[in-house]
Protein backbone atom coordinates (compact mmCIF):
# COMPACT_ATOMS: atom_id res chain seq x y z
CA MET A 1 0.07 -0.47 0.43
CA SER A 2 1.04 3.79 -0.79
CA THR A 3 1.85 5.94 1.41
CA LEU A 4 0.76 10.20 1.42
CA ASN A 5 4.70 10.28 1.20
CA ASP A 6 5.07 8.17 -1.76
CA LEU A 7 2.07 10.04 -4.05
CA PHE A 8 2.82 13.96 -2.30
CA GLN A 9 5.69 16.61 -0.88
CA ILE A 10 4.76 17.20 2.39
CA GLU A 11 5.62 20.25 3.98
CA TYR A 12 4.51 21.77 7.37
CA GLY A 13 3.16 24.99 6.95
CA ASN A 14 4.51 28.39 8.18
CA LYS A 15 2.76 28.97 10.54
CA PHE A 16 2.09 32.72 10.41
CA ASP A 17 -0.98 34.46 11.94
CA MET A 18 -3.01 36.40 9.91
CA ASN A 19 -3.87 38.58 12.92
CA LYS A 20 -0.08 39.30 13.44
CA MET A 21 0.14 40.78 9.87
CA THR A 22 -0.51 43.44 7.72
CA ARG A 23 -4.09 43.29 5.62
CA THR A 24 -4.41 44.55 2.37
CA ASP A 25 -6.55 43.68 -0.96
CA ARG A 26 -6.04 41.60 -3.90
CA LEU A 27 -3.91 43.36 -5.97
CA ALA A 28 -1.41 44.52 -3.11
CA GLY A 29 -0.98 41.66 -2.06
CA VAL A 30 -0.57 37.94 -1.60
CA ALA A 31 -3.35 35.25 -0.28
CA PHE A 32 -2.99 33.73 3.17
CA VAL A 33 -5.07 30.87 3.59
CA GLY A 34 -6.36 30.09 7.43
CA ARG A 35 -8.19 27.72 8.62
CA ILE A 36 -11.64 29.43 9.13
CA GLY A 37 -13.03 28.15 5.87
CA GLY A 38 -12.04 30.89 3.80
CA LEU A 39 -13.93 34.34 2.51
CA ASN A 40 -17.54 32.79 1.69
CA GLY A 41 -17.05 29.79 3.13
CA LYS A 42 -15.51 27.28 0.53
CA SER A 43 -11.94 28.81 -0.82
CA GLY A 44 -9.70 28.54 1.98
CA ILE A 45 -8.58 31.69 0.88
CA ALA A 46 -9.06 34.20 4.52
CA GLY A 47 -7.84 37.83 3.12
CA PHE A 48 -5.01 39.23 1.84
CA VAL A 49 -2.19 40.24 3.37
CA GLU A 50 1.13 42.32 2.40
CA PRO A 51 4.28 40.37 0.96
CA LEU A 52 6.94 39.67 4.03
CA ALA A 53 10.17 40.31 2.64
CA GLY A 54 12.17 37.41 2.46
CA VAL A 55 9.65 35.15 2.14
CA LYS A 56 8.31 32.96 -0.80
CA PRO A 57 5.40 32.79 -1.01
CA TYR A 58 3.74 29.15 -1.95
CA SER A 59 2.49 28.82 -5.31
CA PRO A 60 -0.45 28.05 -7.59
CA GLY A 61 -1.70 24.21 -7.72
CA LEU A 62 -0.81 23.26 -4.13
CA LEU A 63 -2.84 21.60 -1.99
CA THR A 64 -3.63 23.11 1.78
CA VAL A 65 -4.77 21.32 4.68
CA ALA A 66 -6.29 22.47 7.73
CA LEU A 67 -4.76 20.05 10.14
CA GLY A 68 -6.55 22.70 13.72
CA GLY A 69 -9.48 24.48 14.30
CA SER A 70 -12.97 23.71 13.05
CA ARG A 71 -11.99 22.89 9.04
CA LEU A 72 -9.72 20.21 10.85
CA LEU A 73 -8.35 18.56 7.44
CA SER A 74 -10.48 21.25 4.83
CA THR A 75 -8.33 20.97 2.02
CA TYR A 76 -7.95 23.13 -0.53
CA VAL A 77 -6.46 23.26 -3.99
CA GLY A 78 -4.84 26.74 -4.90
CA SER A 79 -6.14 27.72 -8.11
CA SER A 80 -4.55 31.59 -8.29
CA GLY A 81 -2.02 33.50 -6.97
CA LEU A 82 0.94 33.20 -4.46
CA ARG A 83 -0.24 32.69 -1.25
CA VAL A 84 1.25 32.31 2.53
C-alpha cells in the first residue's frame, strides 16, 4: 500500500497568524490561506496580506490542509495567485 509520502511532497506550513500581519487588498498582497474556511466559506482564502521580505509564498496548484481548528483536514487547492 502506498503512503502519503509516496504520492505527495509534504511540508509543514509557515505558522503565520493573519491577525499579526498587515492586511491589504488582492492587487497589492498575497492570499492568506487559513483554517476559518475562507472569505466565502469555501475557498480557504481568509484574506490578503502584505508580502513579507525573505518569505517566498507558496505557488498556485499546491494543496493546503488544515491540521487544526474547526475545519480540521479541510483541503484547498491553490487555484491562482501566490499565497502564505
